PDB file of N, CA and C in Angstrom:
ATOM      1  N   MET A   1     183.638 117.224 156.596  1.00  0.00           N
ATOM      2  CA  MET A   1     182.250 116.965 156.004  1.00  0.00           C
ATOM      3  C   MET A   1     181.136 116.977 156.795  1.00  0.00           C
ATOM      4  N   LEU A   2     180.179 117.443 157.266  1.00  0.00           N
ATOM      5  CA  LEU A   2     179.149 117.862 158.075  1.00  0.00           C
ATOM      6  C   LEU A   2     178.086 117.107 157.482  1.00  0.00           C
ATOM      7  N   THR A   3     177.698 115.977 158.791  1.00  0.00           N
ATOM      8  CA  THR A   3     176.485 115.466 158.722  1.00  0.00           C
ATOM      9  C   THR A   3     175.600 115.515 159.409  1.00  0.00           C
ATOM     10  N   LEU A   4     174.299 116.054 158.658  1.00  0.00           N
ATOM     11  CA  LEU A   4     173.236 117.581 159.615  1.00  0.00           C
ATOM     12  C   LEU A   4     172.040 117.005 159.283  1.00  0.00           C
ATOM     13  N   THR A   5     170.700 116.570 160.166  1.00  0.00           N
ATOM     14  CA  THR A   5     169.910 116.061 159.414  1.00  0.00           C
ATOM     15  C   THR A   5     169.142 117.735 160.161  1.00  0.00           C
ATOM     16  N   ARG A   6     167.818 117.173 159.503  1.00  0.00           N
ATOM     17  CA  ARG A   6     166.786 118.230 159.488  1.00  0.00           C
ATOM     18  C   ARG A   6     166.346 119.052 161.037  1.00  0.00           C
ATOM     19  N   VAL A   7     166.686 118.087 161.617  1.00  0.00           N
ATOM     20  CA  VAL A   7     166.437 118.957 163.125  1.00  0.00           C
ATOM     21  C   VAL A   7     167.274 119.862 163.889  1.00  0.00           C
ATOM     22  N   VAL A   8     168.700 119.694 163.431  1.00  0.00           N
ATOM     23  CA  VAL A   8     169.099 120.906 163.412  1.00  0.00           C
ATOM     24  C   VAL A   8     169.350 122.184 162.969  1.00  0.00           C
ATOM     25  N   ARG A   9     168.913 122.884 164.496  1.00  0.00           N
ATOM     26  CA  ARG A   9     168.403 124.374 163.759  1.00  0.00           C
ATOM     27  C   ARG A   9     169.859 125.345 162.899  1.00  0.00           C
ATOM     28  N   VAL A  10     169.788 125.911 161.653  1.00  0.00           N
ATOM     29  CA  VAL A  10     171.208 126.971 161.275  1.00  0.00           C
ATOM     30  C   VAL A  10     170.539 128.221 162.045  1.00  0.00           C
ATOM     31  N   PHE A  11     171.472 128.984 162.205  1.00  0.00           N
ATOM     32  CA  PHE A  11     171.183 130.180 161.818  1.00  0.00           C
ATOM     33  C   PHE A  11     172.640 131.134 161.016  1.00  0.00           C
ATOM     34  N   ALA A  12     172.128 131.874 160.479  1.00  0.00           N
ATOM     35  CA  ALA A  12     172.660 132.819 160.144  1.00  0.00           C
ATOM     36  C   ALA A  12     173.058 134.128 160.300  1.00  0.00           C
ATOM     37  N   TYR A  13     174.347 134.856 161.089  1.00  0.00           N
ATOM     38  CA  TYR A  13     174.789 135.596 161.602  1.00  0.00           C
ATOM     39  C   TYR A  13     174.212 137.284 160.509  1.00  0.00           C
ATOM     40  N   ALA A  14     173.199 137.881 160.991  1.00  0.00           N
ATOM     41  CA  ALA A  14     172.636 138.742 160.051  1.00  0.00           C
ATOM     42  C   ALA A  14     173.651 139.918 159.948  1.00  0.00           C
ATOM     43  N   ALA A  15     175.375 140.303 160.044  1.00  0.00           N
ATOM     44  CA  ALA A  15     175.472 141.113 159.181  1.00  0.00           C
ATOM     45  C   ALA A  15     177.143 140.672 159.001  1.00  0.00           C
ATOM     46  N   PRO A  16     177.711 141.222 158.314  1.00  0.00           N
ATOM     47  CA  PRO A  16     178.890 140.311 157.897  1.00  0.00           C
ATOM     48  C   PRO A  16     180.426 140.945 158.910  1.00  0.00           C
ATOM     49  N   VAL A  17     180.957 139.852 158.480  1.00  0.00           N
ATOM     50  CA  VAL A  17     182.117 139.613 159.984  1.00  0.00           C
ATOM     51  C   VAL A  17     183.445 139.653 159.390  1.00  0.00           C
ATOM     52  N   ASP A  18     184.396 139.333 160.533  1.00  0.00           N
ATOM     53  CA  ASP A  18     185.268 139.944 160.266  1.00  0.00           C
ATOM     54  C   ASP A  18     186.260 137.962 160.154  1.00  0.00           C
ATOM     55  N   MET A  19     186.501 137.911 158.673  1.00  0.00           N
ATOM     56  CA  MET A  19     186.655 136.427 158.612  1.00  0.00           C
ATOM     57  C   MET A  19     188.164 135.985 158.820  1.00  0.00           C
ATOM     58  N   ARG A  20     188.987 136.751 160.096  1.00  0.00           N
ATOM     59  CA  ARG A  20     189.593 136.655 160.260  1.00  0.00           C
ATOM     60  C   ARG A  20     189.837 136.028 161.816  1.00  0.00           C
ATOM     61  N   ARG A  21     188.247 135.855 162.010  1.00  0.00           N
ATOM     62  CA  ARG A  21     187.973 135.388 163.873  1.00  0.00           C
ATOM     63  C   ARG A  21     188.104 133.940 163.289  1.00  0.00           C
ATOM     64  N   GLY A  22     188.126 133.533 164.464  1.00  0.00           N
ATOM     65  CA  GLY A  22     188.311 131.614 164.643  1.00  0.00           C
ATOM     66  C   GLY A  22     187.414 131.296 165.518  1.00  0.00           C
ATOM     67  N   PHE A  23     187.739 130.205 165.971  1.00  0.00           N
ATOM     68  CA  PHE A  23     186.725 129.824 166.885  1.00  0.00           C
ATOM     69  C   PHE A  23     186.565 130.644 168.423  1.00  0.00           C
ATOM     70  N   ASP A  24     187.239 131.085 168.826  1.00  0.00           N
ATOM     71  CA  ASP A  24     186.709 131.786 170.200  1.00  0.00           C
ATOM     72  C   ASP A  24     186.065 133.059 169.596  1.00  0.00           C
ATOM     73  N   GLY A  25     186.611 133.114 168.546  1.00  0.00           N
ATOM     74  CA  GLY A  25     185.964 135.057 168.308  1.00  0.00           C
ATOM     75  C   GLY A  25     184.523 134.483 167.399  1.00  0.00           C
ATOM     76  N   LEU A  26     184.227 133.295 166.854  1.00  0.00           N
ATOM     77  CA  LEU A  26     182.877 133.306 166.493  1.00  0.00           C
ATOM     78  C   LEU A  26     181.388 132.929 167.600  1.00  0.00           C
ATOM     79  N   SER A  27     182.584 131.871 168.793  1.00  0.00           N
ATOM     80  CA  SER A  27     181.644 131.487 169.581  1.00  0.00           C
ATOM     81  C   SER A  27     181.043 132.694 170.631  1.00  0.00           C
ATOM     82  N   ALA A  28     181.879 133.865 170.225  1.00  0.00           N
ATOM     83  CA  ALA A  28     182.014 134.747 171.414  1.00  0.00           C
ATOM     84  C   ALA A  28     180.670 135.755 170.384  1.00  0.00           C
ATOM     85  N   LEU A  29     180.360 135.943 169.129  1.00  0.00           N
ATOM     86  CA  LEU A  29     179.430 136.363 168.807  1.00  0.00           C
ATOM     87  C   LEU A  29     178.516 135.664 168.906  1.00  0.00           C
ATOM     88  N   VAL A  30     177.945 134.372 168.521  1.00  0.00           N
ATOM     89  CA  VAL A  30     176.718 133.815 169.042  1.00  0.00           C
ATOM     90  C   VAL A  30     176.323 134.257 170.328  1.00  0.00           C
ATOM     91  N   GLU A  31     177.558 133.946 171.682  1.00  0.00           N
ATOM     92  CA  GLU A  31     176.649 133.672 172.916  1.00  0.00           C
ATOM     93  C   GLU A  31     176.503 135.499 173.319  1.00  0.00           C
ATOM     94  N   GLN A  32     177.487 136.516 172.418  1.00  0.00           N
ATOM     95  CA  GLN A  32     177.129 138.135 172.888  1.00  0.00           C
ATOM     96  C   GLN A  32     176.038 138.694 172.128  1.00  0.00           C
ATOM     97  N   GLN A  33     176.006 137.855 170.765  1.00  0.00           N
ATOM     98  CA  GLN A  33     174.757 139.120 170.158  1.00  0.00           C
ATOM     99  C   GLN A  33     173.924 138.580 169.552  1.00  0.00           C
ATOM    100  N   LEU A  34     173.705 137.099 169.697  1.00  0.00           N
ATOM    101  CA  LEU A  34     172.378 136.624 168.635  1.00  0.00           C
ATOM    102  C   LEU A  34     172.062 135.962 170.530  1.00  0.00           C
ATOM    103  N   GLY A  35     172.472 135.913 171.576  1.00  0.00           N
ATOM    104  CA  GLY A  35     172.121 135.040 173.128  1.00  0.00           C
ATOM    105  C   GLY A  35     172.038 133.188 172.858  1.00  0.00           C
ATOM    106  N   GLY A  36     173.323 132.944 172.044  1.00  0.00           N
ATOM    107  CA  GLY A  36     172.812 131.240 172.277  1.00  0.00           C
ATOM    108  C   GLY A  36     173.696 130.461 172.216  1.00  0.00           C
ATOM    109  N   GLN A  37     173.854 129.645 172.471  1.00  0.00           N
ATOM    110  CA  GLN A  37     174.753 128.438 172.998  1.00  0.00           C
ATOM    111  C   GLN A  37     175.072 128.102 171.591  1.00  0.00           C
ATOM    112  N   VAL A  38     177.273 128.082 171.904  1.00  0.00           N
ATOM    113  CA  VAL A  38     177.260 126.836 170.704  1.00  0.00           C
ATOM    114  C   VAL A  38     177.419 125.374 171.019  1.00  0.00           C
ATOM    115  N   LEU A  39     177.099 125.497 172.416  1.00  0.00           N
ATOM    116  CA  LEU A  39     177.753 123.813 172.490  1.00  0.00           C
ATOM    117  C   LEU A  39     175.949 123.291 172.625  1.00  0.00           C
ATOM    118  N   ASN A  40     175.245 123.751 172.251  1.00  0.00           N
ATOM    119  CA  ASN A  40     173.389 123.219 171.988  1.00  0.00           C
ATOM    120  C   ASN A  40     173.686 122.548 170.670  1.00  0.00           C
ATOM    121  N   GLY A  41     174.415 122.642 169.462  1.00  0.00           N
ATOM    122  CA  GLY A  41     174.691 121.562 168.453  1.00  0.00           C
ATOM    123  C   GLY A  41     173.424 122.568 167.751  1.00  0.00           C
ATOM    124  N   ASP A  42     173.225 123.706 167.556  1.00  0.00           N
ATOM    125  CA  ASP A  42     173.051 124.651 166.221  1.00  0.00           C
ATOM    126  C   ASP A  42     174.101 125.017 165.080  1.00  0.00           C
ATOM    127  N   VAL A  43     173.821 125.043 164.311  1.00  0.00           N
ATOM    128  CA  VAL A  43     174.611 125.213 163.076  1.00  0.00           C
ATOM    129  C   VAL A  43     174.982 127.150 163.293  1.00  0.00           C
ATOM    130  N   PHE A  44     175.788 127.602 162.883  1.00  0.00           N
ATOM    131  CA  PHE A  44     176.360 129.203 162.972  1.00  0.00           C
ATOM    132  C   PHE A  44     176.663 129.194 161.670  1.00  0.00           C
ATOM    133  N   LEU A  45     175.855 130.036 160.869  1.00  0.00           N
ATOM    134  CA  LEU A  45     176.726 130.693 159.552  1.00  0.00           C
ATOM    135  C   LEU A  45     177.029 131.921 159.489  1.00  0.00           C
ATOM    136  N   PHE A  46     178.505 132.402 158.833  1.00  0.00           N
ATOM    137  CA  PHE A  46     179.257 133.525 159.450  1.00  0.00           C
ATOM    138  C   PHE A  46     179.380 133.688 157.818  1.00  0.00           C
ATOM    139  N   VAL A  47     179.344 135.389 157.122  1.00  0.00           N
ATOM    140  CA  VAL A  47     179.827 135.377 156.103  1.00  0.00           C
ATOM    141  C   VAL A  47     180.305 137.042 155.876  1.00  0.00           C
ATOM    142  N   GLY A  48     181.409 136.742 155.197  1.00  0.00           N
ATOM    143  CA  GLY A  48     182.560 137.839 154.767  1.00  0.00           C
ATOM    144  C   GLY A  48     182.228 139.085 154.787  1.00  0.00           C
ATOM    145  N   ARG A  49     182.095 140.644 154.421  1.00  0.00           N
ATOM    146  CA  ARG A  49     182.101 141.587 154.341  1.00  0.00           C
ATOM    147  C   ARG A  49     181.775 141.811 152.989  1.00  0.00           C
ATOM    148  N   CYS A  50     182.365 140.869 151.679  1.00  0.00           N
ATOM    149  CA  CYS A  50     183.272 140.996 150.105  1.00  0.00           C
ATOM    150  C   CYS A  50     181.768 139.622 149.717  1.00  0.00           C
ATOM    151  N   ARG A  51     181.906 138.834 150.818  1.00  0.00           N
ATOM    152  CA  ARG A  51     180.739 137.817 150.766  1.00  0.00           C
ATOM    153  C   ARG A  51     181.711 136.913 149.590  1.00  0.00           C
ATOM    154  N   ARG A  52     182.844 136.456 149.851  1.00  0.00           N
ATOM    155  CA  ARG A  52     183.654 135.581 148.752  1.00  0.00           C
ATOM    156  C   ARG A  52     184.018 134.717 150.193  1.00  0.00           C
ATOM    157  N   ARG A  53     183.816 135.180 150.995  1.00  0.00           N
ATOM    158  CA  ARG A  53     184.170 133.850 152.331  1.00  0.00           C
ATOM    159  C   ARG A  53     182.964 133.553 153.488  1.00  0.00           C
ATOM    160  N   ALA A  54     182.792 132.170 153.652  1.00  0.00           N
ATOM    161  CA  ALA A  54     182.185 132.096 154.301  1.00  0.00           C
ATOM    162  C   ALA A  54     182.189 130.942 156.001  1.00  0.00           C
ATOM    163  N   LYS A  55     182.094 131.283 156.657  1.00  0.00           N
ATOM    164  CA  LYS A  55     182.393 130.452 157.950  1.00  0.00           C
ATOM    165  C   LYS A  55     181.198 129.518 158.948  1.00  0.00           C
ATOM    166  N   VAL A  56     181.354 128.299 159.021  1.00  0.00           N
ATOM    167  CA  VAL A  56     180.109 127.329 159.924  1.00  0.00           C
ATOM    168  C   VAL A  56     180.999 127.070 161.059  1.00  0.00           C
ATOM    169  N   LEU A  57     180.421 127.477 162.165  1.00  0.00           N
ATOM    170  CA  LEU A  57     180.550 126.589 163.326  1.00  0.00           C
ATOM    171  C   LEU A  57     179.931 125.634 164.141  1.00  0.00           C
ATOM    172  N   HIS A  58     179.941 124.852 164.370  1.00  0.00           N
ATOM    173  CA  HIS A  58     178.995 123.694 164.556  1.00  0.00           C
ATOM    174  C   HIS A  58     179.936 122.618 166.222  1.00  0.00           C
ATOM    175  N   PHE A  59     179.556 122.551 166.864  1.00  0.00           N
ATOM    176  CA  PHE A  59     179.960 121.616 167.712  1.00  0.00           C
ATOM    177  C   PHE A  59     178.807 120.592 167.909  1.00  0.00           C
ATOM    178  N   ASP A  60     179.413 119.138 167.537  1.00  0.00           N
ATOM    179  CA  ASP A  60     179.252 117.883 167.283  1.00  0.00           C
ATOM    180  C   ASP A  60     179.313 116.931 168.303  1.00  0.00           C
ATOM    181  N   GLY A  61     179.434 117.249 169.071  1.00  0.00           N
ATOM    182  CA  GLY A  61     179.374 116.578 170.602  1.00  0.00           C
ATOM    183  C   GLY A  61     180.834 115.985 171.465  1.00  0.00           C
ATOM    184  N   THR A  62     181.959 116.388 170.109  1.00  0.00           N
ATOM    185  CA  THR A  62     183.177 116.217 170.665  1.00  0.00           C
ATOM    186  C   THR A  62     184.109 117.516 171.006  1.00  0.00           C
ATOM    187  N   GLY A  63     183.861 118.061 169.431  1.00  0.00           N
ATOM    188  CA  GLY A  63     184.145 119.414 169.610  1.00  0.00           C
ATOM    189  C   GLY A  63     183.658 120.433 168.926  1.00  0.00           C
ATOM    190  N   LEU A  64     184.546 121.425 168.537  1.00  0.00           N
ATOM    191  CA  LEU A  64     183.757 122.537 167.628  1.00  0.00           C
ATOM    192  C   LEU A  64     184.576 122.345 166.206  1.00  0.00           C
ATOM    193  N   VAL A  65     183.594 122.479 165.237  1.00  0.00           N
ATOM    194  CA  VAL A  65     184.334 121.723 163.885  1.00  0.00           C
ATOM    195  C   VAL A  65     183.747 123.206 163.368  1.00  0.00           C
ATOM    196  N   LEU A  66     184.626 123.593 162.341  1.00  0.00           N
ATOM    197  CA  LEU A  66     184.880 125.262 162.003  1.00  0.00           C
ATOM    198  C   LEU A  66     185.242 124.782 160.385  1.00  0.00           C
ATOM    199  N   LEU A  67     184.122 124.997 159.503  1.00  0.00           N
ATOM    200  CA  LEU A  67     183.913 124.579 158.027  1.00  0.00           C
ATOM    201  C   LEU A  67     184.381 125.999 157.218  1.00  0.00           C
ATOM    202  N   THR A  68     185.292 126.324 156.505  1.00  0.00           N
ATOM    203  CA  THR A  68     185.548 127.412 155.831  1.00  0.00           C
ATOM    204  C   THR A  68     185.603 127.553 154.748  1.00  0.00           C
ATOM    205  N   LYS A  69     184.786 128.109 153.575  1.00  0.00           N
ATOM    206  CA  LYS A  69     184.726 127.828 152.385  1.00  0.00           C
ATOM    207  C   LYS A  69     185.254 129.492 151.865  1.00  0.00           C
ATOM    208  N   ARG A  70     185.821 129.302 150.408  1.00  0.00           N
ATOM    209  CA  ARG A  70     186.588 130.676 149.809  1.00  0.00           C
ATOM    210  C   ARG A  70     185.707 130.087 148.321  1.00  0.00           C
ATOM    211  N   LEU A  71     184.564 131.254 147.821  1.00  0.00           N
ATOM    212  CA  LEU A  71     184.769 131.406 146.451  1.00  0.00           C
ATOM    213  C   LEU A  71     185.555 131.797 145.432  1.00  0.00           C
ATOM    214  N   PHE A  72     185.672 131.600 144.413  1.00  0.00           N
ATOM    215  CA  PHE A  72     187.012 131.539 143.661  1.00  0.00           C
ATOM    216  C   PHE A  72     186.114 132.293 142.457  1.00  0.00           C
ATOM    217  N   ARG A  73     184.915 132.428 142.108  1.00  0.00           N
ATOM    218  CA  ARG A  73     184.027 133.147 141.334  1.00  0.00           C
ATOM    219  C   ARG A  73     182.361 133.071 142.033  1.00  0.00           C
ATOM    220  N   GLY A  74     182.120 134.665 141.788  1.00  0.00           N
ATOM    221  CA  GLY A  74     180.841 134.719 143.034  1.00  0.00           C
ATOM    222  C   GLY A  74     180.966 135.013 143.622  1.00  0.00           C
ATOM    223  N   ARG A  75     180.081 135.399 144.249  1.00  0.00           N
ATOM    224  CA  ARG A  75     179.715 135.933 145.667  1.00  0.00           C
ATOM    225  C   ARG A  75     178.916 134.532 146.402  1.00  0.00           C
ATOM    226  N   PHE A  76     178.145 135.314 147.589  1.00  0.00           N
ATOM    227  CA  PHE A  76     177.630 134.432 148.678  1.00  0.00           C
ATOM    228  C   PHE A  76     176.528 135.260 148.428  1.00  0.00           C
ATOM    229  N   ALA A  77     175.489 135.100 148.716  1.00  0.00           N
ATOM    230  CA  ALA A  77     174.035 135.565 148.872  1.00  0.00           C
ATOM    231  C   ALA A  77     174.633 136.226 150.355  1.00  0.00           C
ATOM    232  N   ARG A  78     173.438 137.555 150.410  1.00  0.00           N
ATOM    233  CA  ARG A  78     173.333 138.196 151.602  1.00  0.00           C
ATOM    234  C   ARG A  78     173.050 138.273 152.579  1.00  0.00           C
ATOM    235  N   PRO A  79     173.106 137.478 153.929  1.00  0.00           N
ATOM    236  CA  PRO A  79     172.166 136.635 154.576  1.00  0.00           C
ATOM    237  C   PRO A  79     171.845 137.521 155.818  1.00  0.00           C
ATOM    238  N   TRP A  80     172.417 138.885 155.798  1.00  0.00           N
ATOM    239  CA  TRP A  80     171.664 140.208 156.623  1.00  0.00           C
ATOM    240  C   TRP A  80     170.609 141.006 155.968  1.00  0.00           C
ATOM    241  N   CYS A  81     170.295 140.723 155.001  1.00  0.00           N
ATOM    242  CA  CYS A  81     169.058 141.466 154.012  1.00  0.00           C
ATOM    243  C   CYS A  81     167.984 142.083 155.031  1.00  0.00           C
ATOM    244  N   GLU A  82     167.539 141.523 155.883  1.00  0.00           N
ATOM    245  CA  GLU A  82     165.833 142.011 156.909  1.00  0.00           C
ATOM    246  C   GLU A  82     166.795 142.608 157.628  1.00  0.00           C
ATOM    247  N   GLU A  83     166.254 144.110 157.785  1.00  0.00           N
ATOM    248  CA  GLU A  83     166.621 145.409 158.477  1.00  0.00           C
ATOM    249  C   GLU A  83     166.078 144.482 159.707  1.00  0.00           C
ATOM    250  N   GLY A  84     166.828 144.905 160.953  1.00  0.00           N
ATOM    251  CA  GLY A  84     167.337 145.040 162.184  1.00  0.00           C
ATOM    252  C   GLY A  84     167.701 143.462 162.454  1.00  0.00           C
ATOM    253  N   ALA A  85     167.662 142.399 161.867  1.00  0.00           N
ATOM    254  CA  ALA A  85     167.271 140.953 162.295  1.00  0.00           C
ATOM    255  C   ALA A  85     168.904 140.930 163.141  1.00  0.00           C
ATOM    256  N   ARG A  86     168.912 139.902 163.839  1.00  0.00           N
ATOM    257  CA  ARG A  86     170.431 139.975 164.498  1.00  0.00           C
ATOM    258  C   ARG A  86     170.842 138.541 164.085  1.00  0.00           C
ATOM    259  N   ALA A  87     169.739 137.019 163.306  1.00  0.00           N
ATOM    260  CA  ALA A  87     170.005 136.165 162.940  1.00  0.00           C
ATOM    261  C   ALA A  87     168.889 135.675 161.592  1.00  0.00           C
ATOM    262  N   VAL A  88     169.706 134.975 160.645  1.00  0.00           N
ATOM    263  CA  VAL A  88     168.170 134.625 159.709  1.00  0.00           C
ATOM    264  C   VAL A  88     168.211 133.312 160.189  1.00  0.00           C
ATOM    265  N   GLU A  89     167.280 132.381 160.042  1.00  0.00           N
ATOM    266  CA  GLU A  89     167.044 130.957 160.699  1.00  0.00           C
ATOM    267  C   GLU A  89     167.034 130.342 158.965  1.00  0.00           C
ATOM    268  N   LEU A  90     168.039 128.976 158.731  1.00  0.00           N
ATOM    269  CA  LEU A  90     168.027 128.418 157.441  1.00  0.00           C
ATOM    270  C   LEU A  90     167.389 126.942 158.006  1.00  0.00           C
ATOM    271  N   THR A  91     166.882 126.756 157.163  1.00  0.00           N
ATOM    272  CA  THR A  91     166.911 124.807 157.222  1.00  0.00           C
ATOM    273  C   THR A  91     168.543 124.147 156.332  1.00  0.00           C
ATOM    274  N   VAL A  92     168.793 122.739 156.960  1.00  0.00           N
ATOM    275  CA  VAL A  92     169.455 122.088 156.580  1.00  0.00           C
ATOM    276  C   VAL A  92     170.293 122.333 155.253  1.00  0.00           C
ATOM    277  N   SER A  93     168.908 122.112 154.457  1.00  0.00           N
ATOM    278  CA  SER A  93     168.447 122.469 153.087  1.00  0.00           C
ATOM    279  C   SER A  93     169.598 123.967 152.137  1.00  0.00           C
ATOM    280  N   GLU A  94     169.144 124.807 152.972  1.00  0.00           N
ATOM    281  CA  GLU A  94     169.087 126.058 152.688  1.00  0.00           C
ATOM    282  C   GLU A  94     170.562 126.321 152.685  1.00  0.00           C
ATOM    283  N   LEU A  95     171.507 126.019 154.007  1.00  0.00           N
ATOM    284  CA  LEU A  95     172.388 126.140 154.125  1.00  0.00           C
ATOM    285  C   LEU A  95     173.373 125.432 153.050  1.00  0.00           C
ATOM    286  N   SER A  96     172.922 124.153 152.662  1.00  0.00           N
ATOM    287  CA  SER A  96     174.011 123.211 151.805  1.00  0.00           C
ATOM    288  C   SER A  96     173.708 124.265 150.613  1.00  0.00           C
ATOM    289  N   LEU A  97     172.389 124.757 149.613  1.00  0.00           N
ATOM    290  CA  LEU A  97     172.850 125.341 148.461  1.00  0.00           C
ATOM    291  C   LEU A  97     173.290 126.604 149.241  1.00  0.00           C
ATOM    292  N   PHE A  98     173.006 128.264 150.552  1.00  0.00           N
ATOM    293  CA  PHE A  98     173.935 128.281 150.206  1.00  0.00           C
ATOM    294  C   PHE A  98     175.561 128.185 149.999  1.00  0.00           C
ATOM    295  N   LEU A  99     175.471 127.298 149.952  1.00  0.00           N
ATOM    296  CA  LEU A  99     177.164 126.671 150.211  1.00  0.00           C
ATOM    297  C   LEU A  99     177.545 126.850 149.197  1.00  0.00           C
ATOM    298  N   GLU A 100     176.895 126.102 147.939  1.00  0.00           N
ATOM    299  CA  GLU A 100     177.036 126.149 146.957  1.00  0.00           C
ATOM    300  C   GLU A 100     176.894 126.945 145.783  1.00  0.00           C
ATOM    301  N   GLY A 101     176.535 128.410 146.664  1.00  0.00           N
ATOM    302  CA  GLY A 101     176.781 129.339 146.228  1.00  0.00           C
ATOM    303  C   GLY A 101     174.719 129.433 145.606  1.00  0.00           C
ATOM    304  N   CYS A 102     174.279 129.638 145.955  1.00  0.00           N
ATOM    305  CA  CYS A 102     172.673 129.258 145.532  1.00  0.00           C
ATOM    306  C   CYS A 102     172.836 131.270 145.878  1.00  0.00           C
ATOM    307  N   GLU A 103     172.145 132.007 144.829  1.00  0.00           N
ATOM    308  CA  GLU A 103     171.408 133.280 145.404  1.00  0.00           C
ATOM    309  C   GLU A 103     170.464 133.303 145.971  1.00  0.00           C
ATOM    310  N   LEU A 104     169.660 132.209 145.798  1.00  0.00           N
ATOM    311  CA  LEU A 104     168.463 132.954 146.711  1.00  0.00           C
ATOM    312  C   LEU A 104     167.998 132.641 147.853  1.00  0.00           C
ATOM    313  N   ALA A 105     169.479 131.660 148.461  1.00  0.00           N
ATOM    314  CA  ALA A 105     169.438 131.056 149.828  1.00  0.00           C
ATOM    315  C   ALA A 105     170.079 132.267 150.843  1.00  0.00           C
ATOM    316  N   GLY A 106     168.744 132.426 151.670  1.00  0.00           N
ATOM    317  CA  GLY A 106     169.293 133.373 152.822  1.00  0.00           C
ATOM    318  C   GLY A 106     168.279 134.651 152.187  1.00  0.00           C
ATOM    319  N   ARG A 107     167.450 134.449 150.813  1.00  0.00           N
ATOM    320  CA  ARG A 107     166.698 135.762 150.747  1.00  0.00           C
ATOM    321  C   ARG A 107     165.227 135.673 151.157  1.00  0.00           C
ATOM    322  N   TRP A 108     164.824 134.036 150.791  1.00  0.00           N
ATOM    323  CA  TRP A 108     163.729 133.917 150.633  1.00  0.00           C
ATOM    324  C   TRP A 108     163.692 132.390 151.376  1.00  0.00           C
ATOM    325  N   LYS A 109     162.396 131.892 152.268  1.00  0.00           N
ATOM    326  CA  LYS A 109     162.389 129.904 152.485  1.00  0.00           C
ATOM    327  C   LYS A 109     162.588 129.528 151.066  1.00  0.00           C
ATOM    328  N   LEU A 110     163.473 128.683 151.616  1.00  0.00           N
ATOM    329  CA  LEU A 110     163.190 127.918 150.176  1.00  0.00           C
ATOM    330  C   LEU A 110     162.971 126.464 150.312  1.00  0.00           C
ATOM    331  N   SER A 111     162.516 125.960 151.263  1.00  0.00           N
ATOM    332  CA  SER A 111     162.146 124.881 151.854  1.00  0.00           C
ATOM    333  C   SER A 111     160.869 125.196 152.851  1.00  0.00           C
ATOM    334  N   PRO A 112     159.970 123.770 152.416  1.00  0.00           N
ATOM    335  CA  PRO A 112     158.251 123.536 153.531  1.00  0.00           C
ATOM    336  C   PRO A 112     158.798 124.100 154.762  1.00  0.00           C
ATOM    337  N   PRO A 113     157.731 124.451 155.313  1.00  0.00           N
ATOM    338  CA  PRO A 113     157.939 124.662 156.863  1.00  0.00           C
ATOM    339  C   PRO A 113     157.981 123.525 157.354  1.00  0.00           C
ATOM    340  N   THR A 114     158.365 122.802 159.006  1.00  0.00           N
ATOM    341  CA  THR A 114     158.180 121.830 159.208  1.00  0.00           C
ATOM    342  C   THR A 114     156.941 121.246 159.927  1.00  0.00           C
ATOM    343  N   VAL A 115     156.949 119.981 159.655  1.00  0.00           N
ATOM    344  CA  VAL A 115     155.175 119.831 160.164  1.00  0.00           C
ATOM    345  C   VAL A 115     155.493 119.489 161.259  1.00  0.00           C
ATOM    346  N   ASP A 116     154.438 120.028 162.190  1.00  0.00           N
ATOM    347  CA  ASP A 116     154.650 119.654 163.913  1.00  0.00           C
ATOM    348  C   ASP A 116     153.712 118.495 164.393  1.00  0.00           C
ATOM    349  N   GLU A 117     154.104 117.455 164.937  1.00  0.00           N
ATOM    350  CA  GLU A 117     153.443 116.323 165.299  1.00  0.00           C
ATOM    351  C   GLU A 117     151.718 116.071 165.449  1.00  0.00           C
ATOM    352  N   LYS A 118     152.245 117.142 166.400  1.00  0.00           N
ATOM    353  CA  LYS A 118     150.037 117.324 166.500  1.00  0.00           C
ATOM    354  C   LYS A 118     149.808 118.104 165.549  1.00  0.00           C
ATOM    355  N   VAL A 119     149.585 118.657 164.232  1.00  0.00           N
ATOM    356  CA  VAL A 119     149.379 118.732 162.965  1.00  0.00           C
ATOM    357  C   VAL A 119     149.446 117.560 162.127  1.00  0.00           C
ATOM    358  N   LEU A 120     149.736 116.713 162.274  1.00  0.00           N
ATOM    359  CA  LEU A 120     150.228 115.181 161.754  1.00  0.00           C
ATOM    360  C   LEU A 120     148.483 114.155 162.452  1.00  0.00           C
ATOM    361  N   ALA A 121     149.201 114.203 163.792  1.00  0.00           N
ATOM    362  CA  ALA A 121     148.158 113.390 164.263  1.00  0.00           C
ATOM    363  C   ALA A 121     146.767 113.688 164.479  1.00  0.00           C
ATOM    364  N   VAL A 122     146.380 115.259 164.938  1.00  0.00           N
ATOM    365  CA  VAL A 122     145.185 116.002 165.132  1.00  0.00           C
ATOM    366  C   VAL A 122     144.895 116.076 163.321  1.00  0.00           C
ATOM    367  N   GLY A 123     145.200 116.944 162.816  1.00  0.00           N
ATOM    368  CA  GLY A 123     144.582 116.867 160.754  1.00  0.00           C
ATOM    369  C   GLY A 123     145.083 115.740 159.621  1.00  0.00           C
ATOM    370  N   SER A 124     144.900 114.299 160.247  1.00  0.00           N
ATOM    371  CA  SER A 124     145.660 113.679 158.863  1.00  0.00           C
ATOM    372  C   SER A 124     144.096 113.312 158.888  1.00  0.00           C
ATOM    373  N   GLY A 125     143.193 112.889 159.539  1.00  0.00           N
ATOM    374  CA  GLY A 125     141.503 112.444 158.646  1.00  0.00           C
ATOM    375  C   GLY A 125     141.436 111.636 157.837  1.00  0.00           C
ATOM    376  N   LEU A 126     142.566 110.667 157.553  1.00  0.00           N
ATOM    377  CA  LEU A 126     142.431 109.581 156.926  1.00  0.00           C
ATOM    378  C   LEU A 126     141.443 108.383 157.670  1.00  0.00           C
TER     379      LEU A 126
END
């Protein structure tokens, strides 16, 4: 079970992935294709071409966690719908909806944008 806060950034790889890849293969995709660092605590979502399997890669501070989910009915949404994008950024809530099989996750932003501390301090006016 992953316990994630809203501070954690979630990136869905924007192309179908060979689901035979493990820790090393998915880490290489993150570093070579996305230019990211697996060990910085971000969460990375990968979906297979048939969209029945998804994998989540996360470094929890002590090691890499690889969560795999296979749907028995239906298919995951396509996180690679944006033309030319390497990754689609999701919120933790959207990741949770995605893994539950919600077809809207990854297509439209479902969570409100994060509020910047400066906006709170300047725009409060109360």
